[in-house]
N, C-alpha and C. Protein backbone atom coordinates (compact mmCIF):
# COMPACT_ATOMS: atom_id res chain seq x y z
N MET A 1 30.93 -4.96 -0.77
CA MET A 1 30.51 -5.52 0.51
C MET A 1 29.21 -4.84 0.92
N ASN A 2 28.32 -5.60 1.40
CA ASN A 2 27.02 -5.10 1.82
C ASN A 2 27.15 -4.31 3.13
N TYR A 3 26.72 -3.05 3.10
CA TYR A 3 26.83 -2.20 4.29
C TYR A 3 25.97 -2.69 5.44
N LEU A 4 24.83 -3.30 5.12
CA LEU A 4 23.96 -3.82 6.17
C LEU A 4 24.65 -4.96 6.94
N ALA A 5 25.35 -5.82 6.21
CA ALA A 5 26.09 -6.92 6.86
C ALA A 5 27.16 -6.36 7.78
N TRP A 6 27.90 -5.35 7.30
CA TRP A 6 28.91 -4.73 8.15
C TRP A 6 28.27 -4.08 9.37
N ALA A 7 27.13 -3.44 9.18
CA ALA A 7 26.44 -2.79 10.30
C ALA A 7 26.03 -3.82 11.35
N VAL A 8 25.52 -4.96 10.91
CA VAL A 8 25.11 -6.02 11.84
C VAL A 8 26.33 -6.56 12.58
N GLY A 9 27.38 -6.89 11.85
CA GLY A 9 28.57 -7.45 12.47
C GLY A 9 29.24 -6.49 13.45
N VAL A 10 29.41 -5.26 13.03
CA VAL A 10 30.07 -4.27 13.88
C VAL A 10 29.19 -3.94 15.09
N THR A 11 27.87 -3.91 14.90
CA THR A 11 26.98 -3.66 16.04
C THR A 11 27.11 -4.78 17.07
N ALA A 12 27.17 -6.02 16.62
CA ALA A 12 27.36 -7.14 17.55
C ALA A 12 28.69 -7.02 18.28
N ILE A 13 29.73 -6.59 17.58
CA ILE A 13 31.04 -6.42 18.22
C ILE A 13 30.98 -5.32 19.27
N ILE A 14 30.35 -4.21 18.95
CA ILE A 14 30.24 -3.09 19.90
C ILE A 14 29.41 -3.48 21.11
N ILE A 15 28.27 -4.12 20.87
CA ILE A 15 27.43 -4.57 22.01
C ILE A 15 28.20 -5.58 22.84
N GLY A 16 28.95 -6.45 22.18
CA GLY A 16 29.77 -7.42 22.92
C GLY A 16 30.82 -6.73 23.77
N PHE A 17 31.45 -5.69 23.21
CA PHE A 17 32.44 -4.96 24.00
C PHE A 17 31.80 -4.32 25.21
N LEU A 18 30.64 -3.71 25.02
CA LEU A 18 29.91 -3.14 26.16
C LEU A 18 29.52 -4.23 27.16
N GLY A 19 29.23 -5.41 26.64
CA GLY A 19 28.85 -6.53 27.49
C GLY A 19 29.97 -7.04 28.38
N THR A 20 31.21 -6.67 28.09
CA THR A 20 32.28 -7.10 28.98
C THR A 20 32.20 -6.38 30.32
N ALA A 21 31.57 -5.20 30.34
CA ALA A 21 31.43 -4.46 31.60
C ALA A 21 30.02 -4.58 32.17
N LEU A 22 29.06 -4.97 31.35
CA LEU A 22 27.68 -5.10 31.82
C LEU A 22 27.37 -6.58 32.06
N PRO A 23 26.98 -6.93 33.27
CA PRO A 23 26.79 -8.35 33.58
C PRO A 23 25.64 -9.01 32.85
N ALA A 24 24.71 -8.25 32.27
CA ALA A 24 23.55 -8.84 31.62
C ALA A 24 23.84 -9.29 30.19
N LEU A 25 24.98 -8.91 29.63
CA LEU A 25 25.29 -9.25 28.24
C LEU A 25 26.50 -10.18 28.17
N PRO A 26 26.42 -11.20 27.31
CA PRO A 26 27.57 -12.09 27.13
C PRO A 26 28.60 -11.45 26.20
N GLY A 27 29.51 -10.66 26.74
CA GLY A 27 30.41 -9.82 25.97
C GLY A 27 31.26 -10.52 24.95
N THR A 28 32.17 -11.36 25.39
CA THR A 28 33.11 -11.96 24.45
C THR A 28 32.44 -12.90 23.45
N PRO A 29 31.40 -13.66 23.84
CA PRO A 29 30.72 -14.45 22.81
C PRO A 29 30.04 -13.57 21.74
N LEU A 30 29.53 -12.41 22.13
CA LEU A 30 28.92 -11.51 21.14
C LEU A 30 29.97 -10.94 20.19
N ILE A 31 31.13 -10.63 20.71
CA ILE A 31 32.21 -10.15 19.83
C ILE A 31 32.55 -11.23 18.81
N PHE A 32 32.69 -12.46 19.28
CA PHE A 32 32.99 -13.55 18.36
C PHE A 32 31.87 -13.73 17.33
N MET A 33 30.63 -13.66 17.77
CA MET A 33 29.52 -13.83 16.83
C MET A 33 29.52 -12.74 15.76
N GLY A 34 29.84 -11.50 16.15
CA GLY A 34 29.92 -10.42 15.17
C GLY A 34 31.02 -10.66 14.14
N VAL A 35 32.18 -11.07 14.61
CA VAL A 35 33.30 -11.34 13.69
C VAL A 35 32.99 -12.56 12.82
N PHE A 36 32.44 -13.60 13.43
CA PHE A 36 32.10 -14.80 12.66
C PHE A 36 31.06 -14.48 11.59
N PHE A 37 30.06 -13.66 11.92
CA PHE A 37 29.06 -13.27 10.94
C PHE A 37 29.72 -12.57 9.74
N LEU A 38 30.62 -11.63 10.03
CA LEU A 38 31.30 -10.92 8.94
C LEU A 38 32.16 -11.88 8.10
N ALA A 39 32.82 -12.81 8.77
CA ALA A 39 33.64 -13.79 8.04
C ALA A 39 32.73 -14.66 7.16
N TRP A 40 31.66 -15.14 7.71
CA TRP A 40 30.72 -15.98 6.97
C TRP A 40 30.13 -15.22 5.79
N TRP A 41 29.72 -13.97 6.04
CA TRP A 41 29.09 -13.17 5.00
C TRP A 41 30.01 -12.95 3.80
N THR A 42 31.29 -12.87 4.07
CA THR A 42 32.25 -12.63 2.99
C THR A 42 32.91 -13.93 2.51
N ASP A 43 32.31 -15.06 2.81
CA ASP A 43 32.86 -16.37 2.44
C ASP A 43 34.29 -16.54 2.96
N TYR A 44 34.53 -16.02 4.16
CA TYR A 44 35.80 -16.15 4.87
C TYR A 44 36.97 -15.52 4.11
N THR A 45 36.68 -14.48 3.32
CA THR A 45 37.75 -13.81 2.60
C THR A 45 38.40 -12.71 3.44
N ILE A 46 37.67 -12.12 4.39
CA ILE A 46 38.27 -11.04 5.18
C ILE A 46 38.99 -11.57 6.41
N ILE A 47 38.66 -12.78 6.82
CA ILE A 47 39.31 -13.38 7.99
C ILE A 47 39.28 -14.89 7.81
N GLY A 48 40.41 -15.52 8.05
CA GLY A 48 40.54 -16.95 7.81
C GLY A 48 40.30 -17.79 9.05
N ALA A 49 40.57 -19.07 8.88
CA ALA A 49 40.30 -20.04 9.94
C ALA A 49 41.18 -19.83 11.17
N GLY A 50 42.45 -19.50 10.97
CA GLY A 50 43.36 -19.32 12.11
C GLY A 50 42.90 -18.23 13.06
N PRO A 51 42.68 -17.00 12.56
CA PRO A 51 42.19 -15.95 13.45
C PRO A 51 40.82 -16.27 14.05
N LEU A 52 39.95 -16.93 13.28
CA LEU A 52 38.63 -17.29 13.81
C LEU A 52 38.75 -18.28 14.96
N LEU A 53 39.66 -19.24 14.83
CA LEU A 53 39.87 -20.20 15.92
C LEU A 53 40.41 -19.50 17.16
N LEU A 54 41.34 -18.58 16.96
CA LEU A 54 41.87 -17.82 18.09
C LEU A 54 40.76 -17.00 18.74
N LEU A 55 39.93 -16.37 17.94
CA LEU A 55 38.83 -15.58 18.48
C LEU A 55 37.81 -16.46 19.20
N ALA A 56 37.56 -17.66 18.69
CA ALA A 56 36.64 -18.59 19.37
C ALA A 56 37.20 -18.97 20.74
N PHE A 57 38.50 -19.27 20.78
CA PHE A 57 39.14 -19.60 22.05
C PHE A 57 39.05 -18.43 23.03
N LEU A 58 39.39 -17.22 22.56
CA LEU A 58 39.35 -16.05 23.43
C LEU A 58 37.93 -15.77 23.91
N GLY A 59 36.95 -15.93 23.04
CA GLY A 59 35.56 -15.71 23.43
C GLY A 59 35.11 -16.69 24.50
N ALA A 60 35.45 -17.96 24.33
CA ALA A 60 35.10 -18.97 25.33
C ALA A 60 35.85 -18.73 26.64
N PHE A 61 37.11 -18.37 26.52
CA PHE A 61 37.92 -18.09 27.71
C PHE A 61 37.35 -16.91 28.49
N GLY A 62 36.95 -15.87 27.79
CA GLY A 62 36.34 -14.70 28.45
C GLY A 62 35.06 -15.07 29.17
N PHE A 63 34.28 -15.95 28.59
CA PHE A 63 33.04 -16.40 29.22
C PHE A 63 33.33 -17.19 30.49
N VAL A 64 34.32 -18.07 30.43
CA VAL A 64 34.70 -18.86 31.61
C VAL A 64 35.28 -17.98 32.70
N VAL A 65 36.12 -17.01 32.33
CA VAL A 65 36.71 -16.08 33.30
C VAL A 65 35.61 -15.35 34.05
N ASP A 66 34.58 -14.95 33.34
CA ASP A 66 33.46 -14.23 33.95
C ASP A 66 32.82 -15.06 35.06
N ILE A 67 32.61 -16.31 34.81
CA ILE A 67 31.96 -17.19 35.79
C ILE A 67 32.90 -17.48 36.96
N ILE A 68 34.14 -17.81 36.65
CA ILE A 68 35.08 -18.24 37.69
C ILE A 68 35.51 -17.10 38.61
N ALA A 69 35.76 -15.92 38.07
CA ALA A 69 36.29 -14.82 38.89
C ALA A 69 35.34 -14.43 40.00
N SER A 70 34.07 -14.28 39.69
CA SER A 70 33.14 -13.89 40.75
C SER A 70 32.97 -15.01 41.77
N SER A 71 32.98 -16.26 41.32
CA SER A 71 32.85 -17.38 42.25
C SER A 71 34.05 -17.48 43.19
N ILE A 72 35.25 -17.29 42.65
CA ILE A 72 36.46 -17.38 43.47
C ILE A 72 36.47 -16.26 44.51
N GLY A 73 36.13 -15.05 44.08
CA GLY A 73 36.09 -13.94 45.02
C GLY A 73 35.12 -14.20 46.16
N ALA A 74 33.97 -14.74 45.84
CA ALA A 74 32.96 -15.03 46.87
C ALA A 74 33.38 -16.20 47.75
N GLN A 75 33.92 -17.24 47.15
CA GLN A 75 34.31 -18.42 47.93
C GLN A 75 35.45 -18.13 48.89
N ARG A 76 36.37 -17.26 48.49
CA ARG A 76 37.51 -16.94 49.35
C ARG A 76 37.11 -16.31 50.67
N VAL A 77 35.96 -15.65 50.67
CA VAL A 77 35.51 -15.00 51.89
C VAL A 77 34.33 -15.74 52.53
N GLY A 78 34.03 -16.94 52.05
CA GLY A 78 33.01 -17.78 52.66
C GLY A 78 31.58 -17.38 52.36
N ALA A 79 31.31 -16.94 51.15
CA ALA A 79 29.96 -16.52 50.78
C ALA A 79 29.00 -17.70 50.75
N SER A 80 27.79 -17.44 51.17
CA SER A 80 26.73 -18.44 51.10
C SER A 80 26.10 -18.41 49.71
N GLY A 81 25.26 -19.38 49.45
CA GLY A 81 24.52 -19.40 48.19
C GLY A 81 23.62 -18.18 48.07
N LYS A 82 23.08 -17.75 49.20
CA LYS A 82 22.21 -16.56 49.19
C LYS A 82 23.02 -15.31 48.82
N ALA A 83 24.26 -15.27 49.24
CA ALA A 83 25.11 -14.13 48.87
C ALA A 83 25.38 -14.13 47.37
N MET A 84 25.58 -15.30 46.79
CA MET A 84 25.81 -15.40 45.35
C MET A 84 24.57 -14.96 44.57
N VAL A 85 23.40 -15.41 45.03
CA VAL A 85 22.16 -14.98 44.38
C VAL A 85 22.00 -13.47 44.54
N GLY A 86 22.31 -12.96 45.72
CA GLY A 86 22.22 -11.53 45.96
C GLY A 86 23.16 -10.73 45.06
N ALA A 87 24.37 -11.23 44.85
CA ALA A 87 25.33 -10.55 43.97
C ALA A 87 24.81 -10.51 42.54
N THR A 88 24.23 -11.60 42.09
CA THR A 88 23.68 -11.64 40.74
C THR A 88 22.51 -10.68 40.60
N LEU A 89 21.60 -10.71 41.56
CA LEU A 89 20.44 -9.81 41.52
C LEU A 89 20.89 -8.35 41.65
N GLY A 90 21.88 -8.11 42.49
CA GLY A 90 22.41 -6.76 42.64
C GLY A 90 23.05 -6.25 41.36
N SER A 91 23.72 -7.14 40.64
CA SER A 91 24.33 -6.76 39.36
C SER A 91 23.25 -6.38 38.34
N ILE A 92 22.21 -7.16 38.29
CA ILE A 92 21.13 -6.89 37.35
C ILE A 92 20.37 -5.62 37.74
N PHE A 93 20.00 -5.51 39.01
CA PHE A 93 19.27 -4.34 39.49
C PHE A 93 20.12 -3.08 39.35
N GLY A 94 21.41 -3.21 39.57
CA GLY A 94 22.31 -2.07 39.47
C GLY A 94 22.39 -1.46 38.08
N LEU A 95 22.07 -2.25 37.05
CA LEU A 95 22.09 -1.74 35.68
C LEU A 95 21.16 -0.54 35.51
N PHE A 96 20.09 -0.50 36.30
CA PHE A 96 19.11 0.57 36.18
C PHE A 96 19.58 1.88 36.82
N PHE A 97 20.72 1.84 37.48
CA PHE A 97 21.26 3.02 38.16
C PHE A 97 22.62 3.43 37.60
N ALA A 98 22.83 3.15 36.33
CA ALA A 98 24.03 3.55 35.61
C ALA A 98 25.30 3.06 36.31
N LEU A 99 26.37 3.81 36.18
CA LEU A 99 27.67 3.39 36.71
C LEU A 99 27.67 3.15 38.22
N PRO A 100 27.09 4.04 39.04
CA PRO A 100 27.08 3.76 40.48
C PRO A 100 26.37 2.44 40.82
N GLY A 101 25.28 2.18 40.11
CA GLY A 101 24.54 0.94 40.35
C GLY A 101 25.32 -0.29 39.93
N MET A 102 26.04 -0.17 38.82
CA MET A 102 26.84 -1.31 38.36
C MET A 102 28.01 -1.59 39.29
N ILE A 103 28.51 -0.54 39.93
CA ILE A 103 29.63 -0.72 40.85
C ILE A 103 29.14 -1.22 42.21
N LEU A 104 28.08 -0.61 42.71
CA LEU A 104 27.60 -0.95 44.06
C LEU A 104 26.63 -2.13 44.09
N GLY A 105 25.94 -2.39 42.98
CA GLY A 105 24.93 -3.44 42.95
C GLY A 105 25.42 -4.81 43.42
N PRO A 106 26.51 -5.34 42.86
CA PRO A 106 26.98 -6.66 43.30
C PRO A 106 27.39 -6.67 44.77
N PHE A 107 28.04 -5.61 45.23
CA PHE A 107 28.45 -5.53 46.63
C PHE A 107 27.24 -5.55 47.56
N VAL A 108 26.28 -4.67 47.29
CA VAL A 108 25.09 -4.57 48.13
C VAL A 108 24.29 -5.88 48.09
N GLY A 109 24.13 -6.43 46.88
CA GLY A 109 23.39 -7.68 46.74
C GLY A 109 24.03 -8.83 47.51
N ALA A 110 25.34 -8.98 47.39
CA ALA A 110 26.03 -10.05 48.10
C ALA A 110 25.96 -9.84 49.61
N ALA A 111 26.15 -8.60 50.04
CA ALA A 111 26.10 -8.31 51.48
C ALA A 111 24.71 -8.58 52.03
N LEU A 112 23.67 -8.17 51.34
CA LEU A 112 22.30 -8.42 51.81
C LEU A 112 21.98 -9.91 51.83
N GLY A 113 22.43 -10.61 50.78
CA GLY A 113 22.20 -12.06 50.76
C GLY A 113 22.91 -12.76 51.90
N GLN A 114 24.15 -12.37 52.18
CA GLN A 114 24.88 -12.98 53.29
C GLN A 114 24.26 -12.60 54.63
N TYR A 115 23.83 -11.36 54.76
CA TYR A 115 23.19 -10.93 56.02
C TYR A 115 21.90 -11.70 56.25
N TYR A 116 21.15 -11.92 55.20
CA TYR A 116 19.92 -12.72 55.31
C TYR A 116 20.24 -14.14 55.73
N HIS A 117 21.41 -14.63 55.30
CA HIS A 117 21.82 -16.00 55.62
C HIS A 117 22.23 -16.17 57.08
N ASP A 118 23.08 -15.27 57.61
CA ASP A 118 23.61 -15.51 58.96
C ASP A 118 23.44 -14.35 59.94
N ARG A 119 22.82 -13.29 59.54
CA ARG A 119 22.51 -12.14 60.42
C ARG A 119 23.74 -11.53 61.09
N CYS A 120 24.87 -11.56 60.41
CA CYS A 120 26.09 -10.97 60.94
C CYS A 120 26.56 -9.88 59.98
N ILE A 121 26.52 -8.65 60.43
CA ILE A 121 26.86 -7.52 59.56
C ILE A 121 28.33 -7.55 59.13
N HIS A 122 29.21 -8.01 60.04
CA HIS A 122 30.64 -8.08 59.73
C HIS A 122 30.88 -9.09 58.59
N THR A 123 30.30 -10.27 58.70
CA THR A 123 30.47 -11.28 57.66
C THR A 123 29.84 -10.80 56.35
N ALA A 124 28.68 -10.16 56.46
CA ALA A 124 28.00 -9.66 55.26
C ALA A 124 28.87 -8.64 54.52
N ALA A 125 29.50 -7.73 55.25
CA ALA A 125 30.36 -6.72 54.62
C ALA A 125 31.58 -7.39 53.98
N LYS A 126 32.16 -8.35 54.68
CA LYS A 126 33.33 -9.06 54.16
C LYS A 126 32.98 -9.82 52.88
N VAL A 127 31.85 -10.50 52.88
CA VAL A 127 31.41 -11.25 51.69
C VAL A 127 31.09 -10.30 50.55
N GLY A 128 30.42 -9.19 50.85
CA GLY A 128 30.11 -8.21 49.81
C GLY A 128 31.37 -7.69 49.15
N LEU A 129 32.36 -7.34 49.95
CA LEU A 129 33.62 -6.83 49.42
C LEU A 129 34.36 -7.89 48.61
N GLY A 130 34.42 -9.10 49.13
CA GLY A 130 35.11 -10.18 48.41
C GLY A 130 34.46 -10.49 47.07
N THR A 131 33.14 -10.52 47.07
CA THR A 131 32.41 -10.77 45.82
C THR A 131 32.65 -9.63 44.83
N TRP A 132 32.60 -8.40 45.32
CA TRP A 132 32.81 -7.24 44.46
C TRP A 132 34.21 -7.24 43.87
N ILE A 133 35.21 -7.57 44.66
CA ILE A 133 36.59 -7.62 44.15
C ILE A 133 36.72 -8.71 43.08
N GLY A 134 36.10 -9.86 43.31
CA GLY A 134 36.11 -10.92 42.30
C GLY A 134 35.45 -10.48 41.00
N LEU A 135 34.32 -9.79 41.11
CA LEU A 135 33.65 -9.28 39.92
C LEU A 135 34.50 -8.23 39.21
N LEU A 136 35.16 -7.39 39.97
CA LEU A 136 36.01 -6.36 39.40
C LEU A 136 37.18 -6.98 38.64
N ILE A 137 37.83 -7.96 39.24
CA ILE A 137 38.95 -8.64 38.57
C ILE A 137 38.45 -9.36 37.32
N GLY A 138 37.31 -10.01 37.42
CA GLY A 138 36.74 -10.69 36.26
C GLY A 138 36.41 -9.72 35.13
N THR A 139 35.86 -8.57 35.48
CA THR A 139 35.53 -7.56 34.47
C THR A 139 36.79 -7.03 33.80
N ALA A 140 37.82 -6.76 34.59
CA ALA A 140 39.08 -6.29 34.02
C ALA A 140 39.66 -7.32 33.06
N ALA A 141 39.59 -8.59 33.44
CA ALA A 141 40.10 -9.65 32.57
C ALA A 141 39.28 -9.74 31.28
N LYS A 142 37.95 -9.63 31.40
CA LYS A 142 37.09 -9.68 30.21
C LYS A 142 37.37 -8.51 29.27
N VAL A 143 37.58 -7.34 29.83
CA VAL A 143 37.88 -6.17 28.98
C VAL A 143 39.21 -6.39 28.25
N ALA A 144 40.20 -6.93 28.95
CA ALA A 144 41.49 -7.21 28.30
C ALA A 144 41.32 -8.24 27.18
N ILE A 145 40.52 -9.27 27.43
CA ILE A 145 40.28 -10.29 26.42
C ILE A 145 39.52 -9.68 25.23
N ALA A 146 38.56 -8.80 25.51
CA ALA A 146 37.81 -8.15 24.44
C ALA A 146 38.74 -7.30 23.57
N PHE A 147 39.65 -6.56 24.19
CA PHE A 147 40.61 -5.78 23.42
C PHE A 147 41.47 -6.70 22.55
N ALA A 148 41.89 -7.83 23.11
CA ALA A 148 42.69 -8.79 22.34
C ALA A 148 41.90 -9.33 21.15
N MET A 149 40.61 -9.58 21.37
CA MET A 149 39.77 -10.08 20.28
C MET A 149 39.63 -9.04 19.17
N ILE A 150 39.37 -7.82 19.56
CA ILE A 150 39.21 -6.76 18.55
C ILE A 150 40.52 -6.50 17.82
N ALA A 151 41.63 -6.53 18.55
CA ALA A 151 42.94 -6.34 17.91
C ALA A 151 43.22 -7.49 16.93
N THR A 152 42.87 -8.71 17.30
CA THR A 152 43.06 -9.85 16.42
C THR A 152 42.23 -9.68 15.15
N PHE A 153 40.99 -9.24 15.30
CA PHE A 153 40.12 -9.03 14.14
C PHE A 153 40.68 -7.93 13.23
N ILE A 154 41.08 -6.82 13.80
CA ILE A 154 41.62 -5.71 13.00
C ILE A 154 42.91 -6.14 12.30
N THR A 155 43.75 -6.87 12.99
CA THR A 155 44.99 -7.36 12.40
C THR A 155 44.69 -8.31 11.23
N ALA A 156 43.70 -9.19 11.42
CA ALA A 156 43.34 -10.12 10.35
C ALA A 156 42.77 -9.36 9.15
N LEU A 157 42.05 -8.27 9.38
CA LEU A 157 41.53 -7.47 8.28
C LEU A 157 42.66 -6.81 7.50
N ALA A 158 43.69 -6.40 8.22
CA ALA A 158 44.80 -5.66 7.59
C ALA A 158 45.71 -6.57 6.77
N ILE A 159 45.70 -7.84 7.07
CA ILE A 159 46.61 -8.76 6.38
C ILE A 159 46.06 -9.18 5.04
């Protein structure tokens, strides 16, 4: 087996796993792409169609969960479109401030966007918190899906 191919595939899987917690990276699709690359490179001898289909489903499901969870959290507390844009910008800007930025970025962004929308600090705080909780739940779900994907891949390798 070519070590470079394994390095490329495993690197994509690792970056994908990191992407489940970082909003700028498509985590579960990257994990699937890494596994699919390794399967393709080996003419599907290390992993067959069944596990690949399961991984494709899990990857797509993780992507959808990411989008839906943050939207539901924001909608439940009445977030405006500006709050949603703020949460997205806060998530991206927060990446530059390591873990504290990744945790506080979406909250601060959503709150500022909502405050800009209606000039009510109480509503802005409520929207920021609701958006942040939605993002947190979505991230936890993506991490669980990523673990399931990696476990499926390792199991398929062992069989």
